[in-house]
């Protein structure tokens, strides 16, 4: 029985391979792009419906969402405004950062620790930074610089 199943799969693969285009694709790129657009529009519509429903049922509670991971079938740039609305509604501050800089926060009972990681090839200037830089001991108010391929850790009061 296993042999027969293997033969059927091999025959199926042979037939599919014969239907591909010269470049090895099995579909038309324009249709793939249109499908991604449709999926993005559909997801936006669903999220808007879900937000409206949750706000209607629990107006005193923040509305959030949970993305498991980046999905190639969605255009997250088209979802930016909706995602920003969800983030600010949940009380999460949006921090504008230079390209290639990541930002993470950790809290204790008395302090906030902010991690700025520059994965770029050039130094980056970060605005609206307050606290003490842990590695150098320097007190920073308003702006700081992160060298290329480096990290700074800021300690601040809660």
N, C-alpha and C. Protein backbone atom coordinates (compact mmCIF):
# COMPACT_ATOMS: atom_id res chain seq x y z
N UNK A 1 0.82 -1.19 0.00
CA UNK A 1 0.00 0.00 0.00
C UNK A 1 0.87 1.27 0.00
N UNK A 2 1.94 1.26 0.78
CA UNK A 2 2.83 2.42 0.81
C UNK A 2 3.42 2.67 -0.57
N UNK A 3 3.78 1.61 -1.27
CA UNK A 3 4.37 1.76 -2.58
C UNK A 3 3.39 2.41 -3.55
N UNK A 4 2.14 1.99 -3.50
CA UNK A 4 1.12 2.56 -4.39
C UNK A 4 0.94 4.04 -4.08
N UNK A 5 0.88 4.40 -2.78
CA UNK A 5 0.76 5.80 -2.41
C UNK A 5 1.93 6.61 -2.91
N UNK A 6 3.12 6.04 -2.82
CA UNK A 6 4.30 6.75 -3.30
C UNK A 6 4.21 6.95 -4.81
N UNK A 7 3.74 5.93 -5.55
CA UNK A 7 3.61 6.05 -7.00
C UNK A 7 2.61 7.13 -7.38
N UNK A 8 1.51 7.21 -6.64
CA UNK A 8 0.51 8.23 -6.94
C UNK A 8 1.09 9.62 -6.71
N UNK A 9 1.81 9.82 -5.61
CA UNK A 9 2.42 11.12 -5.34
C UNK A 9 3.46 11.47 -6.40
N UNK A 10 4.24 10.52 -6.82
CA UNK A 10 5.26 10.77 -7.85
C UNK A 10 4.59 11.15 -9.16
N UNK A 11 3.51 10.48 -9.50
CA UNK A 11 2.77 10.80 -10.74
C UNK A 11 2.18 12.20 -10.64
N UNK A 12 1.63 12.54 -9.49
CA UNK A 12 1.04 13.87 -9.28
C UNK A 12 2.11 14.95 -9.42
N UNK A 13 3.27 14.74 -8.80
CA UNK A 13 4.36 15.72 -8.90
C UNK A 13 4.81 15.90 -10.35
N UNK A 14 4.87 14.79 -11.09
CA UNK A 14 5.28 14.87 -12.49
C UNK A 14 4.29 15.70 -13.29
N UNK A 15 3.01 15.52 -13.05
CA UNK A 15 1.99 16.28 -13.78
C UNK A 15 2.03 17.76 -13.40
N UNK A 16 2.19 18.05 -12.13
CA UNK A 16 2.26 19.44 -11.69
C UNK A 16 3.48 20.13 -12.28
N UNK A 17 4.61 19.45 -12.27
CA UNK A 17 5.84 20.01 -12.80
C UNK A 17 5.66 20.37 -14.27
N UNK A 18 4.91 19.59 -14.99
CA UNK A 18 4.68 19.87 -16.40
C UNK A 18 3.84 21.11 -16.63
N UNK A 19 3.10 21.57 -15.63
CA UNK A 19 2.22 22.74 -15.78
C UNK A 19 2.90 24.05 -15.39
N UNK A 20 4.12 24.02 -14.92
CA UNK A 20 4.77 25.25 -14.49
C UNK A 20 5.19 26.08 -15.71
N UNK A 21 5.40 27.37 -15.46
CA UNK A 21 5.86 28.26 -16.50
C UNK A 21 7.37 28.09 -16.68
N UNK A 22 7.92 28.74 -17.69
CA UNK A 22 9.34 28.57 -17.99
C UNK A 22 10.25 28.96 -16.82
N UNK A 23 9.81 29.94 -16.02
CA UNK A 23 10.64 30.38 -14.90
C UNK A 23 10.46 29.52 -13.66
N UNK A 24 9.65 28.46 -13.73
CA UNK A 24 9.46 27.57 -12.61
C UNK A 24 8.28 27.92 -11.72
N UNK A 25 7.62 29.07 -11.98
CA UNK A 25 6.47 29.47 -11.18
C UNK A 25 5.26 28.62 -11.57
N UNK A 26 4.34 28.47 -10.61
CA UNK A 26 3.12 27.71 -10.86
C UNK A 26 1.90 28.62 -10.98
N UNK A 27 2.09 29.93 -10.87
CA UNK A 27 0.97 30.84 -10.99
C UNK A 27 1.44 32.16 -11.59
N UNK A 28 0.52 33.04 -11.85
CA UNK A 28 0.84 34.33 -12.45
C UNK A 28 1.08 35.34 -11.34
N UNK A 29 2.18 36.10 -11.42
CA UNK A 29 2.56 37.02 -10.36
C UNK A 29 1.47 38.05 -10.08
N UNK A 30 0.79 38.52 -11.12
CA UNK A 30 -0.28 39.50 -10.94
C UNK A 30 -1.40 38.97 -10.07
N UNK A 31 -1.72 37.70 -10.24
CA UNK A 31 -2.77 37.10 -9.41
C UNK A 31 -2.29 36.95 -7.97
N UNK A 32 -1.03 36.60 -7.78
CA UNK A 32 -0.48 36.53 -6.42
C UNK A 32 -0.57 37.88 -5.72
N UNK A 33 -0.20 38.95 -6.44
CA UNK A 33 -0.25 40.30 -5.88
C UNK A 33 -1.70 40.67 -5.55
N UNK A 34 -2.62 40.37 -6.44
CA UNK A 34 -4.02 40.69 -6.19
C UNK A 34 -4.56 39.91 -5.00
N UNK A 35 -4.12 38.68 -4.83
CA UNK A 35 -4.54 37.88 -3.68
C UNK A 35 -4.03 38.51 -2.38
N UNK A 36 -2.77 38.98 -2.39
CA UNK A 36 -2.22 39.63 -1.19
C UNK A 36 -2.99 40.90 -0.86
N UNK A 37 -3.36 41.67 -1.89
CA UNK A 37 -4.15 42.88 -1.66
C UNK A 37 -5.50 42.52 -1.05
N UNK A 38 -6.16 41.53 -1.63
CA UNK A 38 -7.46 41.09 -1.12
C UNK A 38 -7.35 40.63 0.33
N UNK A 39 -6.32 39.85 0.63
CA UNK A 39 -6.14 39.33 1.99
C UNK A 39 -5.91 40.48 2.97
N UNK A 40 -5.15 41.49 2.57
CA UNK A 40 -4.90 42.66 3.42
C UNK A 40 -6.19 43.43 3.66
N UNK A 41 -6.95 43.68 2.58
CA UNK A 41 -8.22 44.41 2.73
C UNK A 41 -9.16 43.62 3.63
N UNK A 42 -9.21 42.32 3.44
CA UNK A 42 -10.08 41.47 4.23
C UNK A 42 -9.68 41.52 5.72
N UNK A 43 -8.40 41.46 6.00
CA UNK A 43 -7.92 41.51 7.37
C UNK A 43 -8.23 42.86 8.01
N UNK A 44 -8.04 43.96 7.25
CA UNK A 44 -8.38 45.28 7.77
C UNK A 44 -9.86 45.38 8.09
N UNK A 45 -10.71 44.91 7.18
CA UNK A 45 -12.16 44.94 7.43
C UNK A 45 -12.52 44.13 8.66
N UNK A 46 -11.91 42.97 8.80
CA UNK A 46 -12.19 42.12 9.96
C UNK A 46 -11.77 42.80 11.25
N UNK A 47 -10.56 43.39 11.25
CA UNK A 47 -10.06 44.05 12.46
C UNK A 47 -10.94 45.25 12.81
N UNK A 48 -11.37 46.04 11.81
CA UNK A 48 -12.25 47.18 12.09
C UNK A 48 -13.56 46.70 12.70
N UNK A 49 -14.14 45.64 12.15
CA UNK A 49 -15.37 45.07 12.69
C UNK A 49 -15.17 44.61 14.13
N UNK A 50 -14.06 43.92 14.37
CA UNK A 50 -13.76 43.40 15.69
C UNK A 50 -13.56 44.53 16.70
N UNK A 51 -12.86 45.58 16.30
CA UNK A 51 -12.63 46.74 17.18
C UNK A 51 -13.96 47.39 17.54
N UNK A 52 -14.81 47.63 16.53
CA UNK A 52 -16.11 48.26 16.78
C UNK A 52 -16.96 47.42 17.72
N UNK A 53 -16.95 46.10 17.53
CA UNK A 53 -17.75 45.22 18.37
C UNK A 53 -17.25 45.22 19.82
N UNK A 54 -15.94 45.11 20.00
CA UNK A 54 -15.38 45.09 21.35
C UNK A 54 -15.62 46.43 22.04
N UNK A 55 -15.47 47.54 21.32
CA UNK A 55 -15.73 48.86 21.91
C UNK A 55 -17.20 49.00 22.30
N UNK A 56 -18.09 48.44 21.49
CA UNK A 56 -19.52 48.52 21.78
C UNK A 56 -19.87 47.70 23.03
N UNK A 57 -19.28 46.52 23.15
CA UNK A 57 -19.60 45.64 24.28
C UNK A 57 -18.89 46.03 25.57
N UNK A 58 -17.66 46.54 25.44
CA UNK A 58 -16.87 46.93 26.63
C UNK A 58 -16.20 48.28 26.37
N UNK A 59 -16.98 49.36 26.42
CA UNK A 59 -16.42 50.68 26.08
C UNK A 59 -15.34 51.17 27.05
N UNK A 60 -15.30 50.63 28.25
CA UNK A 60 -14.32 51.09 29.23
C UNK A 60 -13.02 50.30 29.19
N UNK A 61 -12.88 49.36 28.27
CA UNK A 61 -11.68 48.52 28.18
C UNK A 61 -10.91 48.85 26.90
N UNK A 62 -9.57 48.76 26.97
CA UNK A 62 -8.79 48.98 25.74
C UNK A 62 -8.94 47.80 24.78
N UNK A 63 -8.82 48.09 23.51
CA UNK A 63 -8.90 47.06 22.48
C UNK A 63 -7.49 46.81 21.96
N UNK A 64 -7.09 45.57 21.91
CA UNK A 64 -5.76 45.21 21.41
C UNK A 64 -5.88 44.10 20.38
N UNK A 65 -4.78 43.75 19.78
CA UNK A 65 -4.72 42.62 18.87
C UNK A 65 -3.45 41.85 19.13
N UNK A 66 -3.37 40.67 18.56
CA UNK A 66 -2.20 39.83 18.77
C UNK A 66 -1.81 39.20 17.44
N UNK A 67 -0.69 39.64 16.88
CA UNK A 67 -0.16 39.01 15.68
C UNK A 67 0.84 37.96 16.11
N UNK A 68 0.73 36.76 15.55
CA UNK A 68 1.66 35.71 15.94
C UNK A 68 3.04 35.95 15.35
N UNK A 69 3.09 36.31 14.10
CA UNK A 69 4.36 36.57 13.43
C UNK A 69 4.06 37.28 12.12
N UNK A 70 5.08 37.75 11.43
CA UNK A 70 4.86 38.36 10.13
C UNK A 70 4.41 37.30 9.13
N UNK A 71 3.40 37.63 8.37
CA UNK A 71 2.84 36.72 7.38
C UNK A 71 3.04 37.33 6.01
N UNK A 72 3.64 36.61 5.10
CA UNK A 72 3.98 37.12 3.78
C UNK A 72 2.75 37.53 2.98
N UNK A 73 1.59 37.01 3.32
CA UNK A 73 0.37 37.30 2.57
C UNK A 73 -0.29 38.62 2.92
N UNK A 74 0.22 39.35 3.91
CA UNK A 74 -0.36 40.64 4.30
C UNK A 74 0.62 41.77 4.02
N UNK A 75 0.07 42.92 3.64
CA UNK A 75 0.87 44.13 3.46
C UNK A 75 0.69 44.98 4.70
N UNK A 76 1.60 44.85 5.66
CA UNK A 76 1.46 45.52 6.94
C UNK A 76 1.53 47.04 6.81
N UNK A 77 2.15 47.54 5.73
CA UNK A 77 2.19 48.99 5.53
C UNK A 77 0.78 49.54 5.34
N UNK A 78 -0.10 48.77 4.70
CA UNK A 78 -1.49 49.20 4.50
C UNK A 78 -2.30 49.09 5.79
N UNK A 79 -1.77 48.40 6.78
CA UNK A 79 -2.47 48.20 8.04
C UNK A 79 -1.94 49.13 9.13
N UNK A 80 -0.99 49.99 8.80
CA UNK A 80 -0.28 50.80 9.78
C UNK A 80 -1.22 51.64 10.64
N UNK A 81 -2.14 52.37 10.02
CA UNK A 81 -3.00 53.27 10.78
C UNK A 81 -3.87 52.51 11.77
N UNK A 82 -4.41 51.39 11.34
CA UNK A 82 -5.24 50.58 12.22
C UNK A 82 -4.43 50.00 13.38
N UNK A 83 -3.24 49.55 13.09
CA UNK A 83 -2.38 48.98 14.13
C UNK A 83 -1.95 50.07 15.12
N UNK A 84 -1.62 51.27 14.62
CA UNK A 84 -1.26 52.38 15.51
C UNK A 84 -2.43 52.74 16.42
N UNK A 85 -3.65 52.71 15.88
CA UNK A 85 -4.84 52.99 16.70
C UNK A 85 -4.97 51.97 17.83
N UNK A 86 -4.76 50.70 17.49
CA UNK A 86 -4.84 49.66 18.51
C UNK A 86 -3.76 49.84 19.58
N UNK A 87 -2.57 50.18 19.15
CA UNK A 87 -1.45 50.34 20.08
C UNK A 87 -1.71 51.50 21.04
N UNK A 88 -2.11 52.65 20.50
CA UNK A 88 -2.35 53.81 21.37
C UNK A 88 -3.57 53.58 22.24
N UNK A 89 -4.58 52.90 21.74
CA UNK A 89 -5.78 52.59 22.52
C UNK A 89 -5.43 51.71 23.72
N UNK A 90 -4.44 50.85 23.56
CA UNK A 90 -4.01 49.95 24.64
C UNK A 90 -3.06 50.64 25.61
N UNK A 91 -2.73 51.92 25.36
CA UNK A 91 -1.87 52.66 26.27
C UNK A 91 -0.38 52.46 26.01
N UNK A 92 -0.04 51.90 24.88
CA UNK A 92 1.37 51.67 24.54
C UNK A 92 1.87 52.89 23.78
N UNK A 93 2.98 53.43 24.24
CA UNK A 93 3.56 54.60 23.56
C UNK A 93 4.30 54.15 22.29
N UNK A 94 4.13 54.91 21.24
CA UNK A 94 4.86 54.64 20.00
C UNK A 94 6.08 55.54 20.00
N UNK A 95 7.24 54.94 19.85
CA UNK A 95 8.49 55.69 19.87
C UNK A 95 9.06 55.71 18.45
N UNK A 96 9.21 56.91 17.90
CA UNK A 96 9.78 57.06 16.57
C UNK A 96 11.29 56.86 16.67
N UNK A 97 11.82 55.92 15.89
CA UNK A 97 13.24 55.59 15.94
C UNK A 97 13.86 55.67 14.56
N UNK A 98 15.17 55.91 14.52
CA UNK A 98 15.87 55.87 13.23
C UNK A 98 15.84 54.46 12.64
N UNK A 99 16.10 54.38 11.38
CA UNK A 99 16.14 53.08 10.70
C UNK A 99 17.22 52.19 11.33
N UNK A 100 16.95 50.92 11.44
CA UNK A 100 17.85 49.89 11.98
C UNK A 100 18.05 49.96 13.49
N UNK A 101 17.24 50.75 14.20
CA UNK A 101 17.34 50.81 15.66
C UNK A 101 16.11 50.14 16.26
N UNK A 102 16.35 49.21 17.17
CA UNK A 102 15.26 48.54 17.89
C UNK A 102 15.20 49.09 19.30
N UNK A 103 14.02 49.03 19.90
CA UNK A 103 13.80 49.58 21.23
C UNK A 103 13.02 48.56 22.06
N UNK A 104 13.50 48.31 23.26
CA UNK A 104 12.82 47.40 24.19
C UNK A 104 12.83 48.03 25.57
N UNK A 105 11.77 47.77 26.35
CA UNK A 105 11.70 48.29 27.72
C UNK A 105 11.48 47.15 28.69
N UNK A 106 12.07 47.30 29.88
CA UNK A 106 11.85 46.37 30.98
C UNK A 106 11.64 47.22 32.23
N UNK A 107 10.79 46.73 33.14
CA UNK A 107 10.45 47.49 34.34
C UNK A 107 10.73 46.68 35.60
N UNK A 108 11.15 47.41 36.65
CA UNK A 108 11.17 46.86 38.00
C UNK A 108 10.13 47.67 38.78
N UNK A 109 10.08 47.49 40.08
CA UNK A 109 9.13 48.26 40.88
C UNK A 109 9.44 49.75 40.88
N UNK A 110 10.69 50.10 40.71
CA UNK A 110 11.09 51.51 40.84
C UNK A 110 11.73 52.11 39.60
N UNK A 111 12.17 51.28 38.64
CA UNK A 111 12.90 51.82 37.49
C UNK A 111 12.42 51.24 36.16
N UNK A 112 12.71 52.01 35.14
CA UNK A 112 12.46 51.58 33.76
C UNK A 112 13.82 51.45 33.08
N UNK A 113 14.02 50.37 32.37
CA UNK A 113 15.25 50.15 31.61
C UNK A 113 14.91 50.13 30.13
N UNK A 114 15.52 51.02 29.37
CA UNK A 114 15.27 51.11 27.93
C UNK A 114 16.51 50.64 27.18
N UNK A 115 16.32 49.72 26.27
CA UNK A 115 17.42 49.16 25.48
C UNK A 115 17.28 49.66 24.04
N UNK A 116 18.30 50.31 23.53
CA UNK A 116 18.34 50.76 22.14
C UNK A 116 19.43 49.97 21.42
N UNK A 117 19.05 49.24 20.41
CA UNK A 117 19.98 48.37 19.70
C UNK A 117 20.09 48.87 18.26
N UNK A 118 21.28 49.29 17.88
CA UNK A 118 21.51 49.77 16.52
C UNK A 118 22.13 48.65 15.70
N UNK A 119 21.37 48.11 14.77
CA UNK A 119 21.87 47.05 13.91
C UNK A 119 22.42 47.59 12.59
N UNK A 120 22.40 48.91 12.43
CA UNK A 120 22.86 49.53 11.20
C UNK A 120 24.36 49.69 11.13
N UNK A 121 24.82 50.20 10.00
CA UNK A 121 26.25 50.39 9.76
C UNK A 121 26.73 51.79 10.09
N UNK A 122 25.81 52.68 10.50
CA UNK A 122 26.17 54.05 10.88
C UNK A 122 25.55 54.37 12.23
N UNK A 123 26.14 55.34 12.93
CA UNK A 123 25.60 55.77 14.22
C UNK A 123 24.22 56.39 14.02
N UNK A 124 23.37 56.29 15.03
CA UNK A 124 22.02 56.82 14.94
C UNK A 124 21.74 57.71 16.14
N UNK A 125 21.06 58.84 15.90
CA UNK A 125 20.68 59.75 16.97
C UNK A 125 19.25 59.46 17.40
N UNK A 126 19.05 59.31 18.70
CA UNK A 126 17.73 59.00 19.24
C UNK A 126 17.24 60.19 20.04
N UNK A 127 16.02 60.62 19.76
CA UNK A 127 15.44 61.77 20.44
C UNK A 127 14.52 61.33 21.57
N UNK A 128 14.21 62.25 22.48
CA UNK A 128 13.31 62.01 23.61
C UNK A 128 13.81 60.88 24.51
N UNK A 129 15.08 60.94 24.85
CA UNK A 129 15.69 59.95 25.73
C UNK A 129 16.04 60.66 27.05
N UNK A 130 15.60 60.06 28.15
CA UNK A 130 15.89 60.63 29.47
C UNK A 130 16.32 59.52 30.41
N UNK A 131 17.31 59.81 31.26
CA UNK A 131 17.76 58.84 32.24
C UNK A 131 19.27 58.78 32.31
N UNK A 132 19.76 57.72 32.90
CA UNK A 132 21.20 57.51 33.03
C UNK A 132 21.61 56.35 32.15
N UNK A 133 22.62 56.59 31.32
CA UNK A 133 23.13 55.51 30.48
C UNK A 133 23.97 54.60 31.38
N UNK A 134 23.57 53.35 31.46
CA UNK A 134 24.20 52.44 32.42
C UNK A 134 25.66 52.12 32.10
N UNK A 135 26.00 51.99 30.85
CA UNK A 135 27.36 51.60 30.50
C UNK A 135 28.38 52.70 30.73
N UNK A 136 27.96 53.97 30.56
CA UNK A 136 28.91 55.08 30.74
C UNK A 136 28.65 55.88 32.01
N UNK A 137 27.45 55.78 32.59
CA UNK A 137 27.10 56.57 33.76
C UNK A 137 26.66 57.98 33.43
N UNK A 138 26.60 58.33 32.16
CA UNK A 138 26.25 59.67 31.70
C UNK A 138 24.74 59.91 31.86
N UNK A 139 24.38 61.08 32.42
CA UNK A 139 22.97 61.47 32.52
C UNK A 139 22.57 62.11 31.19
N UNK A 140 21.46 61.63 30.62
CA UNK A 140 21.02 62.06 29.30
C UNK A 140 19.64 62.72 29.41
N UNK A 141 19.51 63.88 28.80
CA UNK A 141 18.22 64.55 28.69
C UNK A 141 17.99 64.93 27.24
N UNK A 142 16.99 64.35 26.64
CA UNK A 142 16.47 64.66 25.31
C UNK A 142 17.07 63.87 24.17
N UNK A 143 18.38 63.73 24.02
CA UNK A 143 18.87 62.95 22.89
C UNK A 143 20.16 62.23 23.24
N UNK A 144 20.38 61.13 22.50
CA UNK A 144 21.57 60.33 22.70
C UNK A 144 21.93 59.70 21.36
N UNK A 145 23.13 59.19 21.27
CA UNK A 145 23.59 58.57 20.04
C UNK A 145 23.98 57.11 20.32
N UNK A 146 23.63 56.24 19.36
CA UNK A 146 24.02 54.83 19.45
C UNK A 146 24.95 54.55 18.29
N UNK A 147 26.16 54.10 18.62
CA UNK A 147 27.13 53.76 17.56
C UNK A 147 26.62 52.60 16.72
N UNK A 148 27.19 52.45 15.53
CA UNK A 148 26.82 51.34 14.65
C UNK A 148 27.11 50.01 15.32
N UNK A 149 26.20 49.06 15.15
CA UNK A 149 26.35 47.70 15.71
C UNK A 149 26.61 47.74 17.21
N UNK A 150 25.84 48.59 17.91
CA UNK A 150 26.06 48.75 19.34
C UNK A 150 24.74 48.90 20.06
N UNK A 151 24.81 49.00 21.38
CA UNK A 151 23.62 49.09 22.22
C UNK A 151 23.85 50.12 23.32
N UNK A 152 22.78 50.83 23.72
CA UNK A 152 22.84 51.64 24.93
C UNK A 152 21.66 51.20 25.81
N UNK A 153 21.89 51.27 27.11
CA UNK A 153 20.86 50.91 28.09
C UNK A 153 20.64 52.11 28.98
N UNK A 154 19.40 52.59 29.00
CA UNK A 154 19.05 53.74 29.80
C UNK A 154 18.24 53.32 31.02
N UNK A 155 18.59 53.89 32.19
CA UNK A 155 17.86 53.63 33.42
C UNK A 155 17.13 54.89 33.81
N UNK A 156 15.84 54.78 34.04
CA UNK A 156 15.05 55.95 34.43
C UNK A 156 14.08 55.60 35.53
N UNK A 157 13.58 56.64 36.18
CA UNK A 157 12.58 56.48 37.23
C UNK A 157 11.22 56.20 36.59
N UNK A 158 10.39 55.46 37.33
CA UNK A 158 9.03 55.20 36.84
C UNK A 158 8.15 56.37 37.23
